[in-house]
Amino acid sequence: MMIADSVRAIWCRELKCDDIAADDDFFTLGGQSMIMFKIQDAFLTELGVEVPMDQMFLNPTVASISAYIESLEAVAP
């Protein structure tokens, strides 16, 4: 499964929304800090990556946060 698919599945679950496009904005979808914490935790437990809170704000779409996560994996040992 591609990172973007996993990220989209996590967002759909936590935002309780069935259809999230790659360029939909987290905040426009109703995202707020408590949901962001849950997503951050899911990234760690399900994808094995720690995404800092500032990156969640800087990358508020499935596409952009997926690209960020892929960049982390590219530099992982």
PDB file of N, CA and C in Angstrom:
ATOM      1  N   MET A   1       0.845  -1.187   0.000  1.00  0.00           N
ATOM      2  CA  MET A   1       0.000   0.000   0.000  1.00  0.00           C
ATOM      3  C   MET A   1       0.888   1.247   0.000  1.00  0.00           C
ATOM      4  N   MET A   2       0.519   2.197  -0.812  1.00  0.00           N
ATOM      5  CA  MET A   2       1.290   3.427  -0.890  1.00  0.00           C
ATOM      6  C   MET A   2       1.036   4.285   0.349  1.00  0.00           C
ATOM      7  N   ILE A   3       2.020   5.112   0.683  1.00  0.00           N
ATOM      8  CA  ILE A   3       1.907   5.994   1.843  1.00  0.00           C
ATOM      9  C   ILE A   3       0.636   6.842   1.758  1.00  0.00           C
ATOM     10  N   ALA A   4       0.375   7.420   0.584  1.00  0.00           N
ATOM     11  CA  ALA A   4      -0.797   8.296   0.431  1.00  0.00           C
ATOM     12  C   ALA A   4      -2.097   7.551   0.737  1.00  0.00           C
ATOM     13  N   ASP A   5      -2.170   6.280   0.363  1.00  0.00           N
ATOM     14  CA  ASP A   5      -3.372   5.490   0.649  1.00  0.00           C
ATOM     15  C   ASP A   5      -3.537   5.293   2.159  1.00  0.00           C
ATOM     16  N   SER A   6      -2.427   5.030   2.838  1.00  0.00           N
ATOM     17  CA  SER A   6      -2.466   4.854   4.292  1.00  0.00           C
ATOM     18  C   SER A   6      -2.840   6.153   4.982  1.00  0.00           C
ATOM     19  N   VAL A   7      -2.243   7.258   4.530  1.00  0.00           N
ATOM     20  CA  VAL A   7      -2.551   8.569   5.107  1.00  0.00           C
ATOM     21  C   VAL A   7      -4.024   8.898   4.895  1.00  0.00           C
ATOM     22  N   ARG A   8      -4.524   8.671   3.681  1.00  0.00           N
ATOM     23  CA  ARG A   8      -5.930   8.956   3.381  1.00  0.00           C
ATOM     24  C   ARG A   8      -6.848   8.121   4.285  1.00  0.00           C
ATOM     25  N   ALA A   9      -6.513   6.847   4.486  1.00  0.00           N
ATOM     26  CA  ALA A   9      -7.334   5.975   5.332  1.00  0.00           C
ATOM     27  C   ALA A   9      -7.361   6.488   6.779  1.00  0.00           C
ATOM     28  N   ILE A  10      -6.226   6.925   7.282  1.00  0.00           N
ATOM     29  CA  ILE A  10      -6.146   7.469   8.641  1.00  0.00           C
ATOM     30  C   ILE A  10      -6.978   8.743   8.743  1.00  0.00           C
ATOM     31  N   TRP A  11      -6.830   9.628   7.764  1.00  0.00           N
ATOM     32  CA  TRP A  11      -7.597  10.876   7.781  1.00  0.00           C
ATOM     33  C   TRP A  11      -9.094  10.590   7.717  1.00  0.00           C
ATOM     34  N   CYS A  12      -9.502   9.685   6.828  1.00  0.00           N
ATOM     35  CA  CYS A  12     -10.930   9.357   6.703  1.00  0.00           C
ATOM     36  C   CYS A  12     -11.481   8.856   8.028  1.00  0.00           C
ATOM     37  N   ARG A  13     -10.720   7.986   8.682  1.00  0.00           N
ATOM     38  CA  ARG A  13     -11.159   7.430   9.968  1.00  0.00           C
ATOM     39  C   ARG A  13     -11.259   8.518  11.033  1.00  0.00           C
ATOM     40  N   GLU A  14     -10.223   9.319  11.173  1.00  0.00           N
ATOM     41  CA  GLU A  14     -10.185  10.301  12.259  1.00  0.00           C
ATOM     42  C   GLU A  14     -11.082  11.515  11.997  1.00  0.00           C
ATOM     43  N   LEU A  15     -11.258  11.868  10.720  1.00  0.00           N
ATOM     44  CA  LEU A  15     -12.128  12.999  10.389  1.00  0.00           C
ATOM     45  C   LEU A  15     -13.575  12.556  10.145  1.00  0.00           C
ATOM     46  N   LYS A  16     -13.788  11.234  10.225  1.00  0.00           N
ATOM     47  CA  LYS A  16     -15.120  10.659   9.992  1.00  0.00           C
ATOM     48  C   LYS A  16     -15.718  11.148   8.668  1.00  0.00           C
ATOM     49  N   CYS A  17     -14.902  10.985   7.633  1.00  0.00           N
ATOM     50  CA  CYS A  17     -15.265  11.437   6.291  1.00  0.00           C
ATOM     51  C   CYS A  17     -14.852  10.342   5.306  1.00  0.00           C
ATOM     52  N   ASP A  18     -15.788   9.907   4.462  1.00  0.00           N
ATOM     53  CA  ASP A  18     -15.513   8.779   3.575  1.00  0.00           C
ATOM     54  C   ASP A  18     -14.677   9.114   2.350  1.00  0.00           C
ATOM     55  N   ASP A  19     -14.776  10.361   1.885  1.00  0.00           N
ATOM     56  CA  ASP A  19     -14.144  10.692   0.613  1.00  0.00           C
ATOM     57  C   ASP A  19     -13.272  11.931   0.757  1.00  0.00           C
ATOM     58  N   ILE A  20     -11.982  11.713   0.939  1.00  0.00           N
ATOM     59  CA  ILE A  20     -11.030  12.816   1.069  1.00  0.00           C
ATOM     60  C   ILE A  20     -10.088  12.760  -0.127  1.00  0.00           C
ATOM     61  N   ALA A  21     -10.016  13.868  -0.856  1.00  0.00           N
ATOM     62  CA  ALA A  21      -9.131  13.961  -2.019  1.00  0.00           C
ATOM     63  C   ALA A  21      -7.714  14.304  -1.561  1.00  0.00           C
ATOM     64  N   ALA A  22      -6.749  14.034  -2.420  1.00  0.00           N
ATOM     65  CA  ALA A  22      -5.340  14.267  -2.094  1.00  0.00           C
ATOM     66  C   ALA A  22      -5.045  15.725  -1.770  1.00  0.00           C
ATOM     67  N   ASP A  23      -5.840  16.648  -2.351  1.00  0.00           N
ATOM     68  CA  ASP A  23      -5.572  18.067  -2.133  1.00  0.00           C
ATOM     69  C   ASP A  23      -6.583  18.754  -1.209  1.00  0.00           C
ATOM     70  N   ASP A  24      -7.422  17.966  -0.521  1.00  0.00           N
ATOM     71  CA  ASP A  24      -8.343  18.551   0.456  1.00  0.00           C
ATOM     72  C   ASP A  24      -7.555  19.023   1.677  1.00  0.00           C
ATOM     73  N   ASP A  25      -7.906  20.201   2.177  1.00  0.00           N
ATOM     74  CA  ASP A  25      -7.216  20.790   3.314  1.00  0.00           C
ATOM     75  C   ASP A  25      -7.781  20.237   4.630  1.00  0.00           C
ATOM     76  N   PHE A  26      -6.884  19.814   5.508  1.00  0.00           N
ATOM     77  CA  PHE A  26      -7.238  19.241   6.810  1.00  0.00           C
ATOM     78  C   PHE A  26      -8.185  20.155   7.591  1.00  0.00           C
ATOM     79  N   PHE A  27      -7.875  21.441   7.602  1.00  0.00           N
ATOM     80  CA  PHE A  27      -8.656  22.387   8.397  1.00  0.00           C
ATOM     81  C   PHE A  27     -10.019  22.659   7.764  1.00  0.00           C
ATOM     82  N   THR A  28     -10.075  22.691   6.442  1.00  0.00           N
ATOM     83  CA  THR A  28     -11.341  22.872   5.732  1.00  0.00           C
ATOM     84  C   THR A  28     -12.262  21.682   5.972  1.00  0.00           C
ATOM     85  N   LEU A  29     -11.673  20.502   6.165  1.00  0.00           N
ATOM     86  CA  LEU A  29     -12.439  19.287   6.420  1.00  0.00           C
ATOM     87  C   LEU A  29     -12.952  19.216   7.865  1.00  0.00           C
ATOM     88  N   GLY A  30     -12.610  20.214   8.663  1.00  0.00           N
ATOM     89  CA  GLY A  30     -13.062  20.235  10.056  1.00  0.00           C
ATOM     90  C   GLY A  30     -11.998  19.790  11.035  1.00  0.00           C
ATOM     91  N   GLY A  31     -10.777  19.649  10.554  1.00  0.00           N
ATOM     92  CA  GLY A  31      -9.690  19.221  11.421  1.00  0.00           C
ATOM     93  C   GLY A  31      -9.370  20.262  12.480  1.00  0.00           C
ATOM     94  N   GLN A  32      -9.059  19.761  13.659  1.00  0.00           N
ATOM     95  CA  GLN A  32      -8.636  20.623  14.763  1.00  0.00           C
ATOM     96  C   GLN A  32      -7.593  19.864  15.581  1.00  0.00           C
ATOM     97  N   SER A  33      -7.098  20.501  16.633  1.00  0.00           N
ATOM     98  CA  SER A  33      -5.922  19.973  17.323  1.00  0.00           C
ATOM     99  C   SER A  33      -6.091  18.560  17.878  1.00  0.00           C
ATOM    100  N   MET A  34      -7.244  18.238  18.469  1.00  0.00           N
ATOM    101  CA  MET A  34      -7.407  16.891  19.021  1.00  0.00           C
ATOM    102  C   MET A  34      -7.370  15.824  17.931  1.00  0.00           C
ATOM    103  N   ILE A  35      -7.965  16.116  16.794  1.00  0.00           N
ATOM    104  CA  ILE A  35      -7.918  15.170  15.673  1.00  0.00           C
ATOM    105  C   ILE A  35      -6.489  15.073  15.149  1.00  0.00           C
ATOM    106  N   MET A  36      -5.797  16.204  15.116  1.00  0.00           N
ATOM    107  CA  MET A  36      -4.410  16.207  14.649  1.00  0.00           C
ATOM    108  C   MET A  36      -3.542  15.316  15.534  1.00  0.00           C
ATOM    109  N   PHE A  37      -3.752  15.369  16.852  1.00  0.00           N
ATOM    110  CA  PHE A  37      -2.995  14.511  17.769  1.00  0.00           C
ATOM    111  C   PHE A  37      -3.270  13.036  17.477  1.00  0.00           C
ATOM    112  N   LYS A  38      -4.534  12.696  17.210  1.00  0.00           N
ATOM    113  CA  LYS A  38      -4.884  11.307  16.896  1.00  0.00           C
ATOM    114  C   LYS A  38      -4.219  10.856  15.598  1.00  0.00           C
ATOM    115  N   ILE A  39      -4.209  11.730  14.609  1.00  0.00           N
ATOM    116  CA  ILE A  39      -3.566  11.408  13.329  1.00  0.00           C
ATOM    117  C   ILE A  39      -2.062  11.257  13.527  1.00  0.00           C
ATOM    118  N   GLN A  40      -1.482  12.143  14.299  1.00  0.00           N
ATOM    119  CA  GLN A  40      -0.049  12.085  14.594  1.00  0.00           C
ATOM    120  C   GLN A  40       0.294  10.745  15.263  1.00  0.00           C
ATOM    121  N   ASP A  41      -0.540  10.325  16.209  1.00  0.00           N
ATOM    122  CA  ASP A  41      -0.335   9.048  16.889  1.00  0.00           C
ATOM    123  C   ASP A  41      -0.490   7.879  15.913  1.00  0.00           C
ATOM    124  N   ALA A  42      -1.471   7.966  15.019  1.00  0.00           N
ATOM    125  CA  ALA A  42      -1.679   6.901  14.033  1.00  0.00           C
ATOM    126  C   ALA A  42      -0.495   6.795  13.079  1.00  0.00           C
ATOM    127  N   PHE A  43       0.074   7.931  12.686  1.00  0.00           N
ATOM    128  CA  PHE A  43       1.254   7.902  11.826  1.00  0.00           C
ATOM    129  C   PHE A  43       2.381   7.129  12.515  1.00  0.00           C
ATOM    130  N   LEU A  44       2.541   7.354  13.805  1.00  0.00           N
ATOM    131  CA  LEU A  44       3.601   6.679  14.550  1.00  0.00           C
ATOM    132  C   LEU A  44       3.313   5.187  14.706  1.00  0.00           C
ATOM    133  N   THR A  45       2.095   4.834  15.125  1.00  0.00           N
ATOM    134  CA  THR A  45       1.793   3.425  15.386  1.00  0.00           C
ATOM    135  C   THR A  45       1.578   2.611  14.113  1.00  0.00           C
ATOM    136  N   GLU A  46       0.959   3.212  13.094  1.00  0.00           N
ATOM    137  CA  GLU A  46       0.621   2.454  11.888  1.00  0.00           C
ATOM    138  C   GLU A  46       1.669   2.554  10.786  1.00  0.00           C
ATOM    139  N   LEU A  47       2.345   3.703  10.696  1.00  0.00           N
ATOM    140  CA  LEU A  47       3.334   3.893   9.624  1.00  0.00           C
ATOM    141  C   LEU A  47       4.766   3.887  10.149  1.00  0.00           C
ATOM    142  N   GLY A  48       4.910   3.991  11.462  1.00  0.00           N
ATOM    143  CA  GLY A  48       6.245   3.957  12.061  1.00  0.00           C
ATOM    144  C   GLY A  48       7.040   5.229  11.861  1.00  0.00           C
ATOM    145  N   VAL A  49       6.338   6.351  11.625  1.00  0.00           N
ATOM    146  CA  VAL A  49       7.036   7.628  11.449  1.00  0.00           C
ATOM    147  C   VAL A  49       6.494   8.653  12.430  1.00  0.00           C
ATOM    148  N   GLU A  50       7.411   9.449  12.961  1.00  0.00           N
ATOM    149  CA  GLU A  50       7.033  10.523  13.862  1.00  0.00           C
ATOM    150  C   GLU A  50       6.954  11.804  13.046  1.00  0.00           C
ATOM    151  N   VAL A  51       5.767  12.388  12.998  1.00  0.00           N
ATOM    152  CA  VAL A  51       5.550  13.616  12.233  1.00  0.00           C
ATOM    153  C   VAL A  51       5.357  14.756  13.229  1.00  0.00           C
ATOM    154  N   PRO A  52       6.315  15.696  13.275  1.00  0.00           N
ATOM    155  CA  PRO A  52       6.195  16.815  14.211  1.00  0.00           C
ATOM    156  C   PRO A  52       4.954  17.657  13.919  1.00  0.00           C
ATOM    157  N   MET A  53       4.421  18.264  14.964  1.00  0.00           N
ATOM    158  CA  MET A  53       3.207  19.067  14.831  1.00  0.00           C
ATOM    159  C   MET A  53       3.374  20.180  13.800  1.00  0.00           C
ATOM    160  N   ASP A  54       4.546  20.821  13.756  1.00  0.00           N
ATOM    161  CA  ASP A  54       4.719  21.913  12.789  1.00  0.00           C
ATOM    162  C   ASP A  54       4.580  21.412  11.355  1.00  0.00           C
ATOM    163  N   GLN A  55       5.002  20.165  11.099  1.00  0.00           N
ATOM    164  CA  GLN A  55       4.863  19.603   9.756  1.00  0.00           C
ATOM    165  C   GLN A  55       3.405  19.313   9.425  1.00  0.00           C
ATOM    166  N   MET A  56       2.611  19.007  10.444  1.00  0.00           N
ATOM    167  CA  MET A  56       1.184  18.791  10.223  1.00  0.00           C
ATOM    168  C   MET A  56       0.527  20.096   9.753  1.00  0.00           C
ATOM    169  N   PHE A  57       0.969  21.216  10.323  1.00  0.00           N
ATOM    170  CA  PHE A  57       0.430  22.515   9.915  1.00  0.00           C
ATOM    171  C   PHE A  57       0.955  22.933   8.547  1.00  0.00           C
ATOM    172  N   LEU A  58       2.232  22.646   8.288  1.00  0.00           N
ATOM    173  CA  LEU A  58       2.846  23.035   7.015  1.00  0.00           C
ATOM    174  C   LEU A  58       2.368  22.179   5.843  1.00  0.00           C
ATOM    175  N   ASN A  59       1.885  20.993   6.133  1.00  0.00           N
ATOM    176  CA  ASN A  59       1.454  20.042   5.105  1.00  0.00           C
ATOM    177  C   ASN A  59       0.027  19.586   5.386  1.00  0.00           C
ATOM    178  N   PRO A  60      -0.965  20.458   5.142  1.00  0.00           N
ATOM    179  CA  PRO A  60      -2.337  20.162   5.555  1.00  0.00           C
ATOM    180  C   PRO A  60      -3.160  19.348   4.554  1.00  0.00           C
ATOM    181  N   THR A  61      -2.490  18.711   3.578  1.00  0.00           N
ATOM    182  CA  THR A  61      -3.224  17.864   2.631  1.00  0.00           C
ATOM    183  C   THR A  61      -2.642  16.458   2.655  1.00  0.00           C
ATOM    184  N   VAL A  62      -3.415  15.495   2.200  1.00  0.00           N
ATOM    185  CA  VAL A  62      -2.931  14.113   2.107  1.00  0.00           C
ATOM    186  C   VAL A  62      -1.685  14.067   1.231  1.00  0.00           C
ATOM    187  N   ALA A  63      -1.718  14.781   0.100  1.00  0.00           N
ATOM    188  CA  ALA A  63      -0.584  14.762  -0.825  1.00  0.00           C
ATOM    189  C   ALA A  63       0.684  15.328  -0.187  1.00  0.00           C
ATOM    190  N   SER A  64       0.554  16.476   0.483  1.00  0.00           N
ATOM    191  CA  SER A  64       1.757  17.110   1.021  1.00  0.00           C
ATOM    192  C   SER A  64       2.314  16.370   2.236  1.00  0.00           C
ATOM    193  N   ILE A  65       1.459  15.874   3.124  1.00  0.00           N
ATOM    194  CA  ILE A  65       1.979  15.151   4.286  1.00  0.00           C
ATOM    195  C   ILE A  65       2.530  13.790   3.862  1.00  0.00           C
ATOM    196  N   SER A  66       1.950  13.199   2.826  1.00  0.00           N
ATOM    197  CA  SER A  66       2.474  11.930   2.302  1.00  0.00           C
ATOM    198  C   SER A  66       3.867  12.138   1.719  1.00  0.00           C
ATOM    199  N   ALA A  67       4.050  13.232   0.980  1.00  0.00           N
ATOM    200  CA  ALA A  67       5.372  13.544   0.414  1.00  0.00           C
ATOM    201  C   ALA A  67       6.385  13.762   1.535  1.00  0.00           C
ATOM    202  N   TYR A  68       5.966  14.436   2.596  1.00  0.00           N
ATOM    203  CA  TYR A  68       6.852  14.646   3.741  1.00  0.00           C
ATOM    204  C   TYR A  68       7.251  13.304   4.360  1.00  0.00           C
ATOM    205  N   ILE A  69       6.281  12.416   4.576  1.00  0.00           N
ATOM    206  CA  ILE A  69       6.565  11.103   5.174  1.00  0.00           C
ATOM    207  C   ILE A  69       7.494  10.301   4.260  1.00  0.00           C
ATOM    208  N   GLU A  70       7.250  10.345   2.950  1.00  0.00           N
ATOM    209  CA  GLU A  70       8.135   9.640   2.010  1.00  0.00           C
ATOM    210  C   GLU A  70       9.551  10.199   2.068  1.00  0.00           C
ATOM    211  N   SER A  71       9.694  11.512   2.278  1.00  0.00           N
ATOM    212  CA  SER A  71      11.029  12.100   2.373  1.00  0.00           C
ATOM    213  C   SER A  71      11.745  11.612   3.622  1.00  0.00           C
ATOM    214  N   LEU A  72      10.997  11.361   4.702  1.00  0.00           N
ATOM    215  CA  LEU A  72      11.590  10.812   5.920  1.00  0.00           C
ATOM    216  C   LEU A  72      12.108   9.410   5.670  1.00  0.00           C
ATOM    217  N   GLU A  73      11.317   8.607   4.972  1.00  0.00           N
ATOM    218  CA  GLU A  73      11.719   7.227   4.699  1.00  0.00           C
ATOM    219  C   GLU A  73      12.908   7.163   3.764  1.00  0.00           C
ATOM    220  N   ALA A  74      13.055   8.159   2.893  1.00  0.00           N
ATOM    221  CA  ALA A  74      14.182   8.185   1.956  1.00  0.00           C
ATOM    222  C   ALA A  74      15.503   8.404   2.687  1.00  0.00           C
ATOM    223  N   VAL A  75      15.458   9.096   3.836  1.00  0.00           N
ATOM    224  CA  VAL A  75      16.693   9.354   4.573  1.00  0.00           C
ATOM    225  C   VAL A  75      16.861   8.423   5.767  1.00  0.00           C
ATOM    226  N   ALA A  76      15.892   7.551   6.006  1.00  0.00           N
ATOM    227  CA  ALA A  76      15.990   6.621   7.138  1.00  0.00           C
ATOM    228  C   ALA A  76      17.115   5.615   6.877  1.00  0.00           C
ATOM    229  N   PRO A  77      17.807   5.241   7.946  1.00  0.00           N
ATOM    230  CA  PRO A  77      18.927   4.289   7.784  1.00  0.00           C
ATOM    231  C   PRO A  77      18.440   2.904   7.393  1.00  0.00           C
TER     232      PRO A  77
END
